[in-house]
C-alpha atoms as a PDB file:
ATOM      1  CA  MET A   1      70.289 109.127 104.752  1.00  0.00           C
ATOM      2  CA  MET A   2      69.833 109.967 108.424  1.00  0.00           C
ATOM      3  CA  SER A   3      66.577 111.346 109.838  1.00  0.00           C
ATOM      4  CA  GLU A   4      66.375 114.832 111.340  1.00  0.00           C
ATOM      5  CA  GLY A   5      67.783 114.989 114.870  1.00  0.00           C
ATOM      6  CA  GLU A   6      70.103 112.000 114.472  1.00  0.00           C
ATOM      7  CA  PRO A   7      73.857 112.556 114.816  1.00  0.00           C
ATOM      8  CA  ALA A   8      75.684 113.116 111.554  1.00  0.00           C
ATOM      9  CA  LEU A   9      79.116 111.560 111.043  1.00  0.00           C
ATOM     10  CA  LEU A  10      81.693 114.235 110.256  1.00  0.00           C
ATOM     11  CA  GLY A  11      84.783 112.074 109.727  1.00  0.00           C
ATOM     12  CA  ASP A  12      88.057 112.091 111.701  1.00  0.00           C
ATOM     13  CA  GLN A  13      88.649 108.341 112.001  1.00  0.00           C
ATOM     14  CA  ALA A  14      91.890 108.764 114.022  1.00  0.00           C
ATOM     15  CA  GLU A  15      92.632 106.216 116.749  1.00  0.00           C
ATOM     16  CA  GLY A  16      89.517 104.210 115.953  1.00  0.00           C
ATOM     17  CA  ASP A  17      87.148 107.015 117.049  1.00  0.00           C
ATOM     18  CA  SER A  18      84.765 109.079 114.930  1.00  0.00           C
ATOM     19  CA  THR A  19      83.376 112.570 115.324  1.00  0.00           C
ATOM     20  CA  VAL A  20      79.610 112.957 115.409  1.00  0.00           C
ATOM     21  CA  THR A  21      77.200 115.747 116.263  1.00  0.00           C
ATOM     22  CA  THR A  22      74.265 115.427 118.609  1.00  0.00           C
ATOM     23  CA  ASP A  23      71.140 117.525 118.685  1.00  0.00           C
ATOM     24  CA  PRO A  24      70.200 118.737 122.199  1.00  0.00           C
ATOM     25  CA  PRO A  25      66.870 120.546 122.650  1.00  0.00           C
ATOM     26  CA  ALA A  26      67.094 124.319 122.221  1.00  0.00           C
ATOM     27  CA  ARG A  27      65.774 126.722 124.871  1.00  0.00           C
ATOM     28  CA  PRO A  28      62.213 127.850 124.087  1.00  0.00           C
ATOM     29  CA  SER A  29      61.939 131.502 123.088  1.00  0.00           C
ATOM     30  CA  SER A  30      59.736 133.986 124.911  1.00  0.00           C
ATOM     31  CA  SER A  31      57.237 133.892 122.046  1.00  0.00           C
ATOM     32  CA  SER A  32      56.917 130.111 122.267  1.00  0.00           C
ATOM     33  CA  VAL A  33      56.374 130.345 126.034  1.00  0.00           C
ATOM     34  CA  ALA A  34      53.654 132.900 125.479  1.00  0.00           C
ATOM     35  CA  SER A  35      51.960 130.775 122.852  1.00  0.00           C
ATOM     36  CA  SER A  36      52.105 127.676 125.042  1.00  0.00           C
ATOM     37  CA  ALA A  37      50.183 129.525 127.744  1.00  0.00           C
ATOM     38  CA  ALA A  38      47.296 130.011 125.348  1.00  0.00           C
ATOM     39  CA  GLY A  39      47.296 126.564 123.827  1.00  0.00           C
ATOM     40  CA  PRO A  40      48.945 123.130 123.855  1.00  0.00           C
ATOM     41  CA  PRO A  41      52.741 123.112 124.413  1.00  0.00           C
ATOM     42  CA  VAL A  42      54.898 123.224 121.305  1.00  0.00           C
ATOM     43  CA  ARG A  43      57.943 120.955 121.241  1.00  0.00           C
ATOM     44  CA  PRO A  44      61.106 123.082 120.780  1.00  0.00           C
ATOM     45  CA  SER A  45      63.270 122.493 117.733  1.00  0.00           C
ATOM     46  CA  ARG A  46      66.719 120.917 118.048  1.00  0.00           C
ATOM     47  CA  ARG A  47      69.706 122.888 116.716  1.00  0.00           C
ATOM     48  CA  GLU A  48      73.333 123.903 117.276  1.00  0.00           C
ATOM     49  CA  ALA A  49      74.461 120.332 117.920  1.00  0.00           C
ATOM     50  CA  PRO A  50      77.822 119.885 119.688  1.00  0.00           C
ATOM     51  CA  SER A  51      80.445 117.440 118.408  1.00  0.00           C
ATOM     52  CA  VAL A  52      81.217 114.257 120.312  1.00  0.00           C
ATOM     53  CA  TYR A  53      83.701 111.416 119.694  1.00  0.00           C
ATOM     54  CA  VAL A  54      82.337 107.939 119.100  1.00  0.00           C
ATOM     55  CA  VAL A  55      84.487 105.190 120.622  1.00  0.00           C
ATOM     56  CA  GLY A  56      85.900 102.520 118.322  1.00  0.00           C
ATOM     57  CA  PHE A  57      85.868  98.736 118.454  1.00  0.00           C
ATOM     58  CA  TRP A  58      89.048  98.064 120.469  1.00  0.00           C
ATOM     59  CA  LYS A  59      88.241 100.429 123.329  1.00  0.00           C
ATOM     60  CA  ARG A  60      84.760  98.976 123.602  1.00  0.00           C
ATOM     61  CA  LEU A  61      86.219  95.457 123.570  1.00  0.00           C
ATOM     62  CA  ALA A  62      88.526  96.417 126.467  1.00  0.00           C
ATOM     63  CA  ALA A  63      85.534  97.740 128.417  1.00  0.00           C
ATOM     64  CA  ALA A  64      83.652  94.501 127.703  1.00  0.00           C
ATOM     65  CA  VAL A  65      86.577  92.473 129.085  1.00  0.00           C
ATOM     66  CA  VAL A  66      86.407  94.486 132.326  1.00  0.00           C
ATOM     67  CA  ASP A  67      82.649  93.909 132.554  1.00  0.00           C
ATOM     68  CA  LEU A  68      83.083  90.164 131.923  1.00  0.00           C
ATOM     69  CA  ALA A  69      85.689  90.046 134.705  1.00  0.00           C
ATOM     70  CA  ILE A  70      82.915  91.281 137.018  1.00  0.00           C
ATOM     71  CA  VAL A  71      80.006  89.250 135.668  1.00  0.00           C
ATOM     72  CA  ILE A  72      81.669  85.828 135.304  1.00  0.00           C
ATOM     73  CA  PRO A  73      82.756  85.424 138.969  1.00  0.00           C
ATOM     74  CA  ALA A  74      79.335  86.611 140.136  1.00  0.00           C
ATOM     75  CA  ALA A  75      77.638  84.121 137.805  1.00  0.00           C
ATOM     76  CA  LEU A  76      79.874  81.279 139.026  1.00  0.00           C
ATOM     77  CA  VAL A  77      79.081  82.044 142.675  1.00  0.00           C
ATOM     78  CA  MET A  78      75.351  82.215 141.975  1.00  0.00           C
ATOM     79  CA  THR A  79      75.513  78.973 139.961  1.00  0.00           C
ATOM     80  CA  LEU A  80      77.227  77.168 142.846  1.00  0.00           C
ATOM     81  CA  LEU A  81      74.639  78.436 145.327  1.00  0.00           C
ATOM     82  CA  VAL A  82      71.679  77.515 143.138  1.00  0.00           C
ATOM     83  CA  SER A  83      73.154  74.089 142.352  1.00  0.00           C
ATOM     84  CA  LYS A  84      73.451  73.343 146.074  1.00  0.00           C
ATOM     85  CA  ILE A  85      69.844  74.372 146.664  1.00  0.00           C
ATOM     86  CA  ALA A  86      68.448  72.596 143.586  1.00  0.00           C
ATOM     87  CA  GLY A  87      70.603  69.499 144.024  1.00  0.00           C
ATOM     88  CA  VAL A  88      72.059  69.750 140.523  1.00  0.00           C
ATOM     89  CA  ARG A  89      75.369  67.921 140.138  1.00  0.00           C
ATOM     90  CA  LEU A  90      78.065  70.050 138.545  1.00  0.00           C
ATOM     91  CA  PRO A  91      80.661  68.511 136.188  1.00  0.00           C
ATOM     92  CA  PRO A  92      83.690  66.981 137.970  1.00  0.00           C
ATOM     93  CA  SER A  93      86.505  69.359 138.935  1.00  0.00           C
ATOM     94  CA  ASN A  94      89.054  67.413 136.878  1.00  0.00           C
ATOM     95  CA  LEU A  95      87.264  67.946 133.567  1.00  0.00           C
ATOM     96  CA  LYS A  96      89.319  69.248 130.667  1.00  0.00           C
ATOM     97  CA  ILE A  97      88.180  72.757 129.739  1.00  0.00           C
ATOM     98  CA  LEU A  98      89.709  72.464 126.261  1.00  0.00           C
ATOM     99  CA  ASP A  99      88.041  69.115 125.533  1.00  0.00           C
ATOM    100  CA  VAL A 100      85.718  70.206 122.715  1.00  0.00           C
ATOM    101  CA  ASP A 101      84.111  66.783 122.344  1.00  0.00           C
ATOM    102  CA  MET A 102      83.107  66.781 126.005  1.00  0.00           C
ATOM    103  CA  TRP A 103      81.429  70.197 125.725  1.00  0.00           C
ATOM    104  CA  ILE A 104      79.597  69.140 122.567  1.00  0.00           C
ATOM    105  CA  ASP A 105      78.320  66.026 124.363  1.00  0.00           C
ATOM    106  CA  LEU A 106      77.119  68.162 127.297  1.00  0.00           C
ATOM    107  CA  VAL A 107      75.311  70.572 124.998  1.00  0.00           C
ATOM    108  CA  LEU A 108      73.655  67.784 122.971  1.00  0.00           C
ATOM    109  CA  ALA A 109      72.598  66.071 126.179  1.00  0.00           C
ATOM    110  CA  THR A 110      71.288  69.413 127.564  1.00  0.00           C
ATOM    111  CA  ASP A 111      73.259  68.833 130.742  1.00  0.00           C
ATOM    112  CA  PRO A 112      71.312  70.468 133.631  1.00  0.00           C
ATOM    113  CA  ALA A 113      74.431  71.997 135.168  1.00  0.00           C
ATOM    114  CA  LEU A 114      75.516  73.494 131.855  1.00  0.00           C
ATOM    115  CA  VAL A 115      72.054  74.865 131.092  1.00  0.00           C
ATOM    116  CA  MET A 116      71.784  76.347 134.578  1.00  0.00           C
ATOM    117  CA  GLY A 117      75.206  77.963 134.277  1.00  0.00           C
ATOM    118  CA  LEU A 118      74.335  79.539 130.921  1.00  0.00           C
ATOM    119  CA  VAL A 119      70.997  80.807 132.208  1.00  0.00           C
ATOM    120  CA  MET A 120      72.612  82.301 135.333  1.00  0.00           C
ATOM    121  CA  PHE A 121      75.345  83.961 133.292  1.00  0.00           C
ATOM    122  CA  LEU A 122      72.822  85.441 130.838  1.00  0.00           C
ATOM    123  CA  ALA A 123      70.492  86.650 133.600  1.00  0.00           C
ATOM    124  CA  ILE A 124      73.220  88.255 135.729  1.00  0.00           C
ATOM    125  CA  GLY A 125      74.864  89.804 132.681  1.00  0.00           C
ATOM    126  CA  LEU A 126      71.627  91.369 131.447  1.00  0.00           C
ATOM    127  CA  ILE A 127      70.720  92.647 134.926  1.00  0.00           C
ATOM    128  CA  TYR A 128      74.188  94.164 135.285  1.00  0.00           C
ATOM    129  CA  LEU A 129      73.964  95.891 131.896  1.00  0.00           C
ATOM    130  CA  LEU A 130      70.410  97.093 132.381  1.00  0.00           C
ATOM    131  CA  VAL A 131      70.885  98.525 135.887  1.00  0.00           C
ATOM    132  CA  PHE A 132      74.100 100.403 135.130  1.00  0.00           C
ATOM    133  CA  GLN A 133      72.895 101.728 131.774  1.00  0.00           C
ATOM    134  CA  ILE A 134      69.631 103.023 133.256  1.00  0.00           C
ATOM    135  CA  VAL A 135      71.149 104.493 136.437  1.00  0.00           C
ATOM    136  CA  VAL A 136      74.439 106.015 135.209  1.00  0.00           C
ATOM    137  CA  GLY A 137      74.393 105.561 131.436  1.00  0.00           C
ATOM    138  CA  ARG A 138      77.467 103.312 131.350  1.00  0.00           C
ATOM    139  CA  THR A 139      78.889 100.113 132.828  1.00  0.00           C
ATOM    140  CA  LEU A 140      81.866  99.900 135.173  1.00  0.00           C
ATOM    141  CA  GLY A 141      84.120  98.968 132.265  1.00  0.00           C
ATOM    142  CA  MET A 142      82.948 102.020 130.358  1.00  0.00           C
ATOM    143  CA  ARG A 143      83.535 104.231 133.381  1.00  0.00           C
ATOM    144  CA  LEU A 144      87.077 102.895 133.768  1.00  0.00           C
ATOM    145  CA  LEU A 145      87.874 103.637 130.111  1.00  0.00           C
ATOM    146  CA  ARG A 146      86.031 106.981 130.161  1.00  0.00           C
ATOM    147  CA  MET A 147      83.127 106.397 127.832  1.00  0.00           C
ATOM    148  CA  LYS A 148      79.357 106.624 128.112  1.00  0.00           C
ATOM    149  CA  ILE A 149      76.163 105.861 126.215  1.00  0.00           C
ATOM    150  CA  ILE A 150      73.982 108.559 124.637  1.00  0.00           C
ATOM    151  CA  ASP A 151      70.896 108.536 122.456  1.00  0.00           C
ATOM    152  CA  VAL A 152      70.657 110.240 119.069  1.00  0.00           C
ATOM    153  CA  TYR A 153      69.943 113.566 120.793  1.00  0.00           C
ATOM    154  CA  GLY A 154      72.998 113.450 123.054  1.00  0.00           C
ATOM    155  CA  ASP A 155      71.022 112.589 126.194  1.00  0.00           C
ATOM    156  CA  ARG A 156      71.338 109.619 128.527  1.00  0.00           C
ATOM    157  CA  PRO A 157      69.316 106.757 127.037  1.00  0.00           C
ATOM    158  CA  SER A 158      65.827 106.238 128.421  1.00  0.00           C
ATOM    159  CA  PRO A 159      64.928 103.006 130.238  1.00  0.00           C
ATOM    160  CA  ALA A 160      63.114 101.840 127.112  1.00  0.00           C
ATOM    161  CA  ARG A 161      66.254 102.345 125.013  1.00  0.00           C
ATOM    162  CA  CYS A 162      68.313 100.496 127.628  1.00  0.00           C
ATOM    163  CA  VAL A 163      65.920  97.541 127.484  1.00  0.00           C
ATOM    164  CA  ALA A 164      66.130  97.568 123.682  1.00  0.00           C
ATOM    165  CA  ARG A 165      69.925  97.757 123.940  1.00  0.00           C
ATOM    166  CA  CYS A 166      70.022  94.660 126.164  1.00  0.00           C
ATOM    167  CA  GLY A 167      67.861  92.906 123.605  1.00  0.00           C
ATOM    168  CA  GLY A 168      70.465  93.934 121.050  1.00  0.00           C
ATOM    169  CA  TYR A 169      73.169  92.237 123.126  1.00  0.00           C
ATOM    170  CA  VAL A 170      71.190  88.985 123.010  1.00  0.00           C
ATOM    171  CA  ALA A 171      70.751  89.383 119.250  1.00  0.00           C
ATOM    172  CA  GLY A 172      74.484  90.039 118.914  1.00  0.00           C
ATOM    173  CA  VAL A 173      75.278  86.772 120.672  1.00  0.00           C
ATOM    174  CA  ALA A 174      72.645  84.909 118.629  1.00  0.00           C
ATOM    175  CA  THR A 175      74.377  86.047 115.424  1.00  0.00           C
ATOM    176  CA  LEU A 176      77.605  84.385 116.607  1.00  0.00           C
ATOM    177  CA  PHE A 177      78.937  87.775 117.785  1.00  0.00           C
ATOM    178  CA  LEU A 178      78.687  89.302 114.315  1.00  0.00           C
ATOM    179  CA  GLY A 179      76.507  92.037 115.808  1.00  0.00           C
ATOM    180  CA  PHE A 180      79.477  93.132 117.929  1.00  0.00           C
ATOM    181  CA  LEU A 181      82.112  92.653 115.235  1.00  0.00           C
ATOM    182  CA  TRP A 182      80.108  94.976 113.010  1.00  0.00           C
ATOM    183  CA  MET A 183      81.402  97.908 115.113  1.00  0.00           C
ATOM    184  CA  GLY A 184      84.806  97.466 113.509  1.00  0.00           C
ATOM    185  CA  PHE A 185      83.366  98.041 110.010  1.00  0.00           C
ATOM    186  CA  ASP A 186      80.546 100.494 110.665  1.00  0.00           C
ATOM    187  CA  SER A 187      81.336 104.119 109.743  1.00  0.00           C
ATOM    188  CA  GLU A 188      79.658 105.322 112.967  1.00  0.00           C
ATOM    189  CA  LYS A 189      81.220 102.604 115.170  1.00  0.00           C
ATOM    190  CA  ARG A 190      77.791 101.272 116.157  1.00  0.00           C
ATOM    191  CA  GLY A 191      77.059  97.653 116.937  1.00  0.00           C
ATOM    192  CA  LEU A 192      73.779  95.830 116.459  1.00  0.00           C
ATOM    193  CA  GLN A 193      72.676  96.854 119.966  1.00  0.00           C
ATOM    194  CA  ASP A 194      73.276 100.520 119.112  1.00  0.00           C
ATOM    195  CA  TRP A 195      71.290 100.368 115.887  1.00  0.00           C
ATOM    196  CA  ILE A 196      68.400  98.611 117.625  1.00  0.00           C
ATOM    197  CA  ALA A 197      68.281 101.073 120.551  1.00  0.00           C
ATOM    198  CA  GLY A 198      69.300 104.241 118.677  1.00  0.00           C
ATOM    199  CA  THR A 199      72.413 104.877 120.784  1.00  0.00           C
ATOM    200  CA  TYR A 200      76.098 105.761 120.501  1.00  0.00           C
ATOM    201  CA  VAL A 201      79.057 105.094 122.803  1.00  0.00           C
ATOM    202  CA  ILE A 202      81.184 108.217 123.115  1.00  0.00           C
ATOM    203  CA  ARG A 203      84.176 109.553 125.040  1.00  0.00           C
ATOM    204  CA  ALA A 204      83.086 110.751 128.474  1.00  0.00           C
END
């Protein structure tokens, strides 16, 4: 059962999207304004929630592909620059990308170049997500596909929610991406990061 103020799923599962309602703050009445002048301010109730459309798994996956197309080249460039400065030797250019045994050996040996590349990718990816979610409430991939992030009240997520959401991304990766795949089965189309931060991704 959802708590008061949280969007309620109405149904309409067409095209992978769902309809939800959000609860924006209502305008304070004249009586509440008068009472606040004589005492501590009273928080207005939330009512008359508009309907919004929650974006499904495949559209969010497409947005993630766009974001990865931005983050991966930036991470590669930064890794090359840092490797030159730190004197870390990168793997040879003729290595076989599909050689699973080679990658397992590098991971078990904690290859410095591999560790540095993973750290740079994670850092740049989290910075990218955090900055865009705090400033505009969506990433470039979300903007391209016309979607945005809201909190349970229909507002842009606060910086604290954005930080929690980025932590949810890390948790989603740590669960072997099951936290992201859950969006395809969840009735509200929310991934692990959304449940942790209290957010939705909706049509913009």
